[in-house]
Amino acid sequence: MLVAAVVCPCPPLLVPEVASGAAAELDELRAACAEAVDELLAAEPELLVLVGDGPRAEVWTEGGSGSFHRFGVELAVRLPSGGAAGPELSPALSVGAWLLERSGTGLPTHACAVPADTPVERLLGLGEGLASLADRVGLLVLGDGSACRTVKAPGYLDERAEPFDAELARALGAADTEALAGLDVELCRQLQVEGRAPWQVLAGAARGAGLGGKLRYADAPYGVGYFVASWR
């Protein structure tokens, strides 16, 4: 049963070593993520599950490791429990593992990568399955909003991006599973929304769980929508 969930963005720049001289620019975001993860752990889950975007569907149940080598930083991370079994964690899941390392938790942790083109119903069903893995499950869901908020954004400026992110922030803050389940797949693709698939896994996991939401952060410092939310 899902007892708590946290939504965090997953830009590699969240890791200070990657951001280097620009690290201070995301201090507020890092603090919001740390507070959200602390609240997730305070719910006393028996099992943590990371969910994030990945190039292919993969699951890690006995440990897993990732790195930030591709960004020119000699920094490796591991899931809290187990060794480095299985393939390397996707970049999004590596950020999640880094967040958990900062928290100091040693809880059993699984990870699940979901490709951006995964059909909605499959994602919702996956979420239901993850929520049934233990009596008390906590999710850490990694994903970014639109990448088209400014002319300097990765996807350039798209006038639809800001209202999309505003509605997304509302849905995440309200723990609105129906709104997340109903995200427009094609619009998300056009706006380069990397969090669509992970958020729909969350929607499936939280259906019927009676969780309430709290939005901790919503901004677009680099023209990309970043959100932090806690569901309890």
C-alpha atoms as a PDB file:
ATOM      1  CA  MET A   1       0.000   0.000   0.000  1.00  0.00           C
ATOM      2  CA  LEU A   2       1.273   3.446  -0.863  1.00  0.00           C
ATOM      3  CA  VAL A   3       1.665   5.511   2.323  1.00  0.00           C
ATOM      4  CA  ALA A   4       3.642   8.456   0.958  1.00  0.00           C
ATOM      5  CA  ALA A   5       5.187   9.802  -2.223  1.00  0.00           C
ATOM      6  CA  VAL A   6       7.502  12.593  -3.222  1.00  0.00           C
ATOM      7  CA  VAL A   7       7.869  14.251  -6.611  1.00  0.00           C
ATOM      8  CA  CYS A   8      11.246  15.830  -7.392  1.00  0.00           C
ATOM      9  CA  PRO A   9      12.827  17.101 -10.618  1.00  0.00           C
ATOM     10  CA  CYS A  10      15.896  15.341 -11.954  1.00  0.00           C
ATOM     11  CA  PRO A  11      18.246  17.806 -13.682  1.00  0.00           C
ATOM     12  CA  PRO A  12      21.882  16.712 -13.234  1.00  0.00           C
ATOM     13  CA  LEU A  13      22.562  20.318 -12.136  1.00  0.00           C
ATOM     14  CA  LEU A  14      20.769  19.428  -8.900  1.00  0.00           C
ATOM     15  CA  VAL A  15      24.048  17.747  -7.920  1.00  0.00           C
ATOM     16  CA  PRO A  16      26.429  20.536  -6.794  1.00  0.00           C
ATOM     17  CA  GLU A  17      29.496  18.809  -8.268  1.00  0.00           C
ATOM     18  CA  VAL A  18      27.828  18.858 -11.692  1.00  0.00           C
ATOM     19  CA  ALA A  19      26.622  22.454 -11.376  1.00  0.00           C
ATOM     20  CA  SER A  20      30.082  23.540 -10.198  1.00  0.00           C
ATOM     21  CA  GLY A  21      30.265  27.351 -10.071  1.00  0.00           C
ATOM     22  CA  ALA A  22      26.513  27.698 -10.656  1.00  0.00           C
ATOM     23  CA  ALA A  23      25.595  25.386  -7.780  1.00  0.00           C
ATOM     24  CA  ALA A  24      24.146  28.151  -5.589  1.00  0.00           C
ATOM     25  CA  GLU A  25      21.489  28.901  -8.207  1.00  0.00           C
ATOM     26  CA  LEU A  26      19.573  25.743  -7.232  1.00  0.00           C
ATOM     27  CA  ASP A  27      20.082  25.857  -3.458  1.00  0.00           C
ATOM     28  CA  GLU A  28      16.385  26.565  -2.869  1.00  0.00           C
ATOM     29  CA  LEU A  29      15.408  23.604  -5.028  1.00  0.00           C
ATOM     30  CA  ARG A  30      17.874  21.295  -3.254  1.00  0.00           C
ATOM     31  CA  ALA A  31      16.489  22.347   0.111  1.00  0.00           C
ATOM     32  CA  ALA A  32      12.919  21.650  -1.014  1.00  0.00           C
ATOM     33  CA  CYS A  33      13.927  18.194  -2.277  1.00  0.00           C
ATOM     34  CA  ALA A  34      15.716  17.384   0.990  1.00  0.00           C
ATOM     35  CA  GLU A  35      12.696  18.420   3.054  1.00  0.00           C
ATOM     36  CA  ALA A  36      10.381  16.356   0.873  1.00  0.00           C
ATOM     37  CA  VAL A  37      12.573  13.249   1.156  1.00  0.00           C
ATOM     38  CA  ASP A  38      12.716  13.709   4.942  1.00  0.00           C
ATOM     39  CA  GLU A  39       8.916  13.784   5.030  1.00  0.00           C
ATOM     40  CA  LEU A  40       8.789  10.661   2.874  1.00  0.00           C
ATOM     41  CA  LEU A  41      11.003   8.829   5.355  1.00  0.00           C
ATOM     42  CA  ALA A  42       8.965  10.161   8.288  1.00  0.00           C
ATOM     43  CA  ALA A  43       5.985   8.183   6.945  1.00  0.00           C
ATOM     44  CA  GLU A  44       7.945   5.045   7.905  1.00  0.00           C
ATOM     45  CA  PRO A  45       7.730   3.085   4.655  1.00  0.00           C
ATOM     46  CA  GLU A  46       9.023  -0.473   4.641  1.00  0.00           C
ATOM     47  CA  LEU A  47      10.112  -0.194   1.015  1.00  0.00           C
ATOM     48  CA  LEU A  48      11.188   2.742  -1.121  1.00  0.00           C
ATOM     49  CA  VAL A  49      10.742   2.718  -4.891  1.00  0.00           C
ATOM     50  CA  LEU A  50      12.371   5.209  -7.244  1.00  0.00           C
ATOM     51  CA  VAL A  51      10.518   5.863 -10.508  1.00  0.00           C
ATOM     52  CA  GLY A  52      12.066   7.871 -13.312  1.00  0.00           C
ATOM     53  CA  ASP A  53      12.453   8.197 -17.044  1.00  0.00           C
ATOM     54  CA  GLY A  54      14.796   5.831 -18.846  1.00  0.00           C
ATOM     55  CA  PRO A  55      15.589   4.721 -22.400  1.00  0.00           C
ATOM     56  CA  ARG A  56      14.020   1.309 -21.765  1.00  0.00           C
ATOM     57  CA  ALA A  57      11.878  -0.390 -19.138  1.00  0.00           C
ATOM     58  CA  GLU A  58      14.125  -1.706 -16.371  1.00  0.00           C
ATOM     59  CA  VAL A  59      13.741  -2.692 -12.728  1.00  0.00           C
ATOM     60  CA  TRP A  60      16.350  -2.864  -9.981  1.00  0.00           C
ATOM     61  CA  THR A  61      15.375  -4.956  -6.943  1.00  0.00           C
ATOM     62  CA  GLU A  62      18.759  -5.932  -5.473  1.00  0.00           C
ATOM     63  CA  GLY A  63      20.700  -2.694  -5.532  1.00  0.00           C
ATOM     64  CA  GLY A  64      21.897  -0.593  -8.412  1.00  0.00           C
ATOM     65  CA  SER A  65      24.432   2.105  -9.164  1.00  0.00           C
ATOM     66  CA  GLY A  66      24.686   5.170 -11.344  1.00  0.00           C
ATOM     67  CA  SER A  67      27.177   7.906 -12.064  1.00  0.00           C
ATOM     68  CA  PHE A  68      27.591  11.433 -13.346  1.00  0.00           C
ATOM     69  CA  HIS A  69      30.630  10.623 -15.462  1.00  0.00           C
ATOM     70  CA  ARG A  70      28.834  11.678 -18.640  1.00  0.00           C
ATOM     71  CA  PHE A  71      28.696  15.185 -17.196  1.00  0.00           C
ATOM     72  CA  GLY A  72      32.421  15.267 -16.560  1.00  0.00           C
ATOM     73  CA  VAL A  73      32.181  14.534 -12.841  1.00  0.00           C
ATOM     74  CA  GLU A  74      33.802  11.534 -11.153  1.00  0.00           C
ATOM     75  CA  LEU A  75      30.864  10.874  -8.868  1.00  0.00           C
ATOM     76  CA  ALA A  76      29.083   7.534  -8.428  1.00  0.00           C
ATOM     77  CA  VAL A  77      25.903   6.789  -6.481  1.00  0.00           C
ATOM     78  CA  ARG A  78      24.169   3.642  -5.293  1.00  0.00           C
ATOM     79  CA  LEU A  79      20.719   2.728  -4.115  1.00  0.00           C
ATOM     80  CA  PRO A  80      20.631   2.509  -0.304  1.00  0.00           C
ATOM     81  CA  SER A  81      20.206  -1.262  -0.149  1.00  0.00           C
ATOM     82  CA  GLY A  82      22.189  -3.909  -1.968  1.00  0.00           C
ATOM     83  CA  GLY A  83      25.202  -3.628  -4.238  1.00  0.00           C
ATOM     84  CA  ALA A  84      25.667  -2.555  -7.819  1.00  0.00           C
ATOM     85  CA  ALA A  85      23.665  -5.363  -9.390  1.00  0.00           C
ATOM     86  CA  GLY A  86      22.077  -4.938 -12.802  1.00  0.00           C
ATOM     87  CA  PRO A  87      22.527  -2.276 -15.477  1.00  0.00           C
ATOM     88  CA  GLU A  88      23.534   1.293 -14.649  1.00  0.00           C
ATOM     89  CA  LEU A  89      20.761   3.510 -13.331  1.00  0.00           C
ATOM     90  CA  SER A  90      19.301   5.997 -15.803  1.00  0.00           C
ATOM     91  CA  PRO A  91      20.281   9.666 -15.295  1.00  0.00           C
ATOM     92  CA  ALA A  92      16.942  10.432 -13.630  1.00  0.00           C
ATOM     93  CA  LEU A  93      17.252   7.497 -11.236  1.00  0.00           C
ATOM     94  CA  SER A  94      20.863   8.458 -10.513  1.00  0.00           C
ATOM     95  CA  VAL A  95      19.627  11.837  -9.283  1.00  0.00           C
ATOM     96  CA  GLY A  96      17.096  10.004  -7.121  1.00  0.00           C
ATOM     97  CA  ALA A  97      19.808   7.779  -5.687  1.00  0.00           C
ATOM     98  CA  TRP A  98      21.852  10.892  -4.916  1.00  0.00           C
ATOM     99  CA  LEU A  99      18.892  12.405  -3.044  1.00  0.00           C
ATOM    100  CA  LEU A 100      18.521   9.241  -0.969  1.00  0.00           C
ATOM    101  CA  GLU A 101      22.249   9.117  -0.237  1.00  0.00           C
ATOM    102  CA  ARG A 102      22.013  12.652   1.155  1.00  0.00           C
ATOM    103  CA  SER A 103      19.182  11.563   3.452  1.00  0.00           C
ATOM    104  CA  GLY A 104      21.274   8.776   4.981  1.00  0.00           C
ATOM    105  CA  THR A 105      18.498   6.194   4.722  1.00  0.00           C
ATOM    106  CA  GLY A 106      19.305   2.507   4.566  1.00  0.00           C
ATOM    107  CA  LEU A 107      15.793   1.309   3.727  1.00  0.00           C
ATOM    108  CA  PRO A 108      15.307  -1.431   1.137  1.00  0.00           C
ATOM    109  CA  THR A 109      15.029   0.364  -2.183  1.00  0.00           C
ATOM    110  CA  HIS A 110      13.920  -0.674  -5.644  1.00  0.00           C
ATOM    111  CA  ALA A 111      14.106   1.415  -8.808  1.00  0.00           C
ATOM    112  CA  CYS A 112      12.015   1.425 -11.949  1.00  0.00           C
ATOM    113  CA  ALA A 113      12.806   3.139 -15.259  1.00  0.00           C
ATOM    114  CA  VAL A 114       9.930   3.885 -17.625  1.00  0.00           C
ATOM    115  CA  PRO A 115      10.417   5.002 -21.261  1.00  0.00           C
ATOM    116  CA  ALA A 116       8.737   8.219 -22.375  1.00  0.00           C
ATOM    117  CA  ASP A 117       6.572   6.415 -24.952  1.00  0.00           C
ATOM    118  CA  THR A 118       5.012   3.920 -22.516  1.00  0.00           C
ATOM    119  CA  PRO A 119       1.198   3.793 -22.921  1.00  0.00           C
ATOM    120  CA  VAL A 120      -0.833   5.397 -20.146  1.00  0.00           C
ATOM    121  CA  GLU A 121      -2.715   2.266 -19.087  1.00  0.00           C
ATOM    122  CA  ARG A 122       0.512   0.323 -18.714  1.00  0.00           C
ATOM    123  CA  LEU A 123       1.939   3.062 -16.491  1.00  0.00           C
ATOM    124  CA  LEU A 124      -1.158   3.144 -14.307  1.00  0.00           C
ATOM    125  CA  GLY A 125      -1.055  -0.637 -13.950  1.00  0.00           C
ATOM    126  CA  LEU A 126       2.636  -0.523 -13.080  1.00  0.00           C
ATOM    127  CA  GLY A 127       1.876   1.983 -10.342  1.00  0.00           C
ATOM    128  CA  GLU A 128      -0.786  -0.270  -8.865  1.00  0.00           C
ATOM    129  CA  GLY A 129       1.702  -3.127  -8.868  1.00  0.00           C
ATOM    130  CA  LEU A 130       4.415  -1.080  -7.163  1.00  0.00           C
ATOM    131  CA  ALA A 131       1.998   0.004  -4.440  1.00  0.00           C
ATOM    132  CA  SER A 132       1.283  -3.650  -3.637  1.00  0.00           C
ATOM    133  CA  LEU A 133       4.926  -4.663  -3.137  1.00  0.00           C
ATOM    134  CA  ALA A 134       4.770  -4.108   0.641  1.00  0.00           C
ATOM    135  CA  ASP A 135       2.374  -3.070   3.381  1.00  0.00           C
ATOM    136  CA  ARG A 136       3.991   0.386   3.513  1.00  0.00           C
ATOM    137  CA  VAL A 137       5.480   1.645   0.238  1.00  0.00           C
ATOM    138  CA  GLY A 138       7.034   5.051  -0.350  1.00  0.00           C
ATOM    139  CA  LEU A 139       7.660   6.416  -3.866  1.00  0.00           C
ATOM    140  CA  LEU A 140      10.302   8.910  -4.961  1.00  0.00           C
ATOM    141  CA  VAL A 141       9.168  10.019  -8.416  1.00  0.00           C
ATOM    142  CA  LEU A 142      11.643  11.873 -10.630  1.00  0.00           C
ATOM    143  CA  GLY A 143      10.565  14.056 -13.542  1.00  0.00           C
ATOM    144  CA  ASP A 144      10.778  17.519 -15.100  1.00  0.00           C
ATOM    145  CA  GLY A 145       7.995  19.654 -16.521  1.00  0.00           C
ATOM    146  CA  SER A 146       7.980  21.484 -19.839  1.00  0.00           C
ATOM    147  CA  ALA A 147      11.332  22.460 -21.360  1.00  0.00           C
ATOM    148  CA  CYS A 148       9.864  25.357 -23.347  1.00  0.00           C
ATOM    149  CA  ARG A 149       9.344  28.172 -20.850  1.00  0.00           C
ATOM    150  CA  THR A 150      11.819  30.703 -22.340  1.00  0.00           C
ATOM    151  CA  VAL A 151      13.698  31.366 -25.553  1.00  0.00           C
ATOM    152  CA  LYS A 152      16.837  29.965 -23.899  1.00  0.00           C
ATOM    153  CA  ALA A 153      15.094  26.766 -22.764  1.00  0.00           C
ATOM    154  CA  PRO A 154      16.124  23.454 -24.354  1.00  0.00           C
ATOM    155  CA  GLY A 155      12.913  23.421 -26.406  1.00  0.00           C
ATOM    156  CA  TYR A 156      12.768  27.184 -27.045  1.00  0.00           C
ATOM    157  CA  LEU A 157       9.699  29.224 -26.078  1.00  0.00           C
ATOM    158  CA  ASP A 158       6.254  27.680 -26.466  1.00  0.00           C
ATOM    159  CA  GLU A 159       3.322  29.762 -25.205  1.00  0.00           C
ATOM    160  CA  ARG A 160       1.552  26.573 -24.081  1.00  0.00           C
ATOM    161  CA  ALA A 161       4.307  25.662 -21.632  1.00  0.00           C
ATOM    162  CA  GLU A 162       3.514  28.082 -18.810  1.00  0.00           C
ATOM    163  CA  PRO A 163      -0.218  27.216 -18.526  1.00  0.00           C
ATOM    164  CA  PHE A 164       0.661  23.525 -18.799  1.00  0.00           C
ATOM    165  CA  ASP A 165       3.119  23.804 -15.915  1.00  0.00           C
ATOM    166  CA  ALA A 166       0.650  25.846 -13.866  1.00  0.00           C
ATOM    167  CA  GLU A 167      -1.977  23.109 -14.140  1.00  0.00           C
ATOM    168  CA  LEU A 168       0.662  20.484 -13.419  1.00  0.00           C
ATOM    169  CA  ALA A 169       1.720  22.341 -10.268  1.00  0.00           C
ATOM    170  CA  ARG A 170      -1.914  22.433  -9.165  1.00  0.00           C
ATOM    171  CA  ALA A 171      -2.358  18.702  -9.769  1.00  0.00           C
ATOM    172  CA  LEU A 172       0.837  17.775  -7.915  1.00  0.00           C
ATOM    173  CA  GLY A 173      -0.042  20.025  -4.989  1.00  0.00           C
ATOM    174  CA  ALA A 174      -3.559  18.595  -4.773  1.00  0.00           C
ATOM    175  CA  ALA A 175      -2.532  14.930  -5.236  1.00  0.00           C
ATOM    176  CA  ASP A 176      -4.942  14.900  -8.186  1.00  0.00           C
ATOM    177  CA  THR A 177      -4.409  11.436  -9.626  1.00  0.00           C
ATOM    178  CA  GLU A 178      -7.066  11.849 -12.305  1.00  0.00           C
ATOM    179  CA  ALA A 179      -5.404  14.981 -13.675  1.00  0.00           C
ATOM    180  CA  LEU A 180      -2.040  13.213 -13.833  1.00  0.00           C
ATOM    181  CA  ALA A 181      -3.565  10.139 -15.448  1.00  0.00           C
ATOM    182  CA  GLY A 182      -5.171  12.400 -18.043  1.00  0.00           C
ATOM    183  CA  LEU A 183      -2.026  14.248 -19.146  1.00  0.00           C
ATOM    184  CA  ASP A 184      -2.016  14.718 -22.915  1.00  0.00           C
ATOM    185  CA  VAL A 185       0.712  12.424 -24.248  1.00  0.00           C
ATOM    186  CA  GLU A 186       1.243  14.328 -27.496  1.00  0.00           C
ATOM    187  CA  LEU A 187       1.307  17.732 -25.807  1.00  0.00           C
ATOM    188  CA  CYS A 188       3.838  16.415 -23.300  1.00  0.00           C
ATOM    189  CA  ARG A 189       6.010  15.226 -26.176  1.00  0.00           C
ATOM    190  CA  GLN A 190       5.819  18.586 -27.908  1.00  0.00           C
ATOM    191  CA  LEU A 191       6.679  20.471 -24.722  1.00  0.00           C
ATOM    192  CA  GLN A 192       9.508  18.006 -23.939  1.00  0.00           C
ATOM    193  CA  VAL A 193       7.968  17.011 -20.594  1.00  0.00           C
ATOM    194  CA  GLU A 194      10.187  14.252 -19.206  1.00  0.00           C
ATOM    195  CA  GLY A 195       8.033  13.551 -16.162  1.00  0.00           C
ATOM    196  CA  ARG A 196       4.855  12.394 -17.893  1.00  0.00           C
ATOM    197  CA  ALA A 197       5.492   8.664 -17.618  1.00  0.00           C
ATOM    198  CA  PRO A 198       6.767   8.662 -13.989  1.00  0.00           C
ATOM    199  CA  TRP A 199       3.883  10.877 -12.844  1.00  0.00           C
ATOM    200  CA  GLN A 200       1.368   8.507 -14.393  1.00  0.00           C
ATOM    201  CA  VAL A 201       2.988   5.623 -12.518  1.00  0.00           C
ATOM    202  CA  LEU A 202       2.409   7.696  -9.379  1.00  0.00           C
ATOM    203  CA  ALA A 203      -1.217   8.259 -10.401  1.00  0.00           C
ATOM    204  CA  GLY A 204      -1.774   4.509 -10.616  1.00  0.00           C
ATOM    205  CA  ALA A 205      -0.022   3.824  -7.316  1.00  0.00           C
ATOM    206  CA  ALA A 206      -1.983   6.502  -5.436  1.00  0.00           C
ATOM    207  CA  ARG A 207      -5.462   5.673  -6.686  1.00  0.00           C
ATOM    208  CA  GLY A 208      -7.660   4.971  -3.692  1.00  0.00           C
ATOM    209  CA  ALA A 209      -4.842   5.610  -1.197  1.00  0.00           C
ATOM    210  CA  GLY A 210      -6.460   8.783   0.152  1.00  0.00           C
ATOM    211  CA  LEU A 211      -3.252  10.823   0.083  1.00  0.00           C
ATOM    212  CA  GLY A 212      -3.185  14.590   0.390  1.00  0.00           C
ATOM    213  CA  GLY A 213      -0.659  16.785  -1.395  1.00  0.00           C
ATOM    214  CA  LYS A 214       1.610  19.721  -0.647  1.00  0.00           C
ATOM    215  CA  LEU A 215       3.472  21.702  -3.307  1.00  0.00           C
ATOM    216  CA  ARG A 216       6.913  22.693  -2.018  1.00  0.00           C
ATOM    217  CA  TYR A 217       8.501  24.238  -5.100  1.00  0.00           C
ATOM    218  CA  ALA A 218       7.427  25.325  -8.582  1.00  0.00           C
ATOM    219  CA  ASP A 219       9.709  27.360 -10.816  1.00  0.00           C
ATOM    220  CA  ALA A 220      11.566  27.306 -14.130  1.00  0.00           C
ATOM    221  CA  PRO A 221      15.069  28.639 -13.400  1.00  0.00           C
ATOM    222  CA  TYR A 222      16.510  27.456 -16.725  1.00  0.00           C
ATOM    223  CA  GLY A 223      13.330  27.554 -18.767  1.00  0.00           C
ATOM    224  CA  VAL A 224      12.404  24.042 -17.566  1.00  0.00           C
ATOM    225  CA  GLY A 225       9.568  23.429 -15.111  1.00  0.00           C
ATOM    226  CA  TYR A 226      10.815  21.993 -11.822  1.00  0.00           C
ATOM    227  CA  PHE A 227       8.374  20.838  -9.141  1.00  0.00           C
ATOM    228  CA  VAL A 228       8.680  19.373  -5.664  1.00  0.00           C
ATOM    229  CA  ALA A 229       5.607  17.921  -3.997  1.00  0.00           C
ATOM    230  CA  SER A 230       4.859  15.687  -1.019  1.00  0.00           C
ATOM    231  CA  TRP A 231       1.925  13.285  -0.813  1.00  0.00           C
ATOM    232  CA  ARG A 232       0.935  11.856   2.552  1.00  0.00           C
END
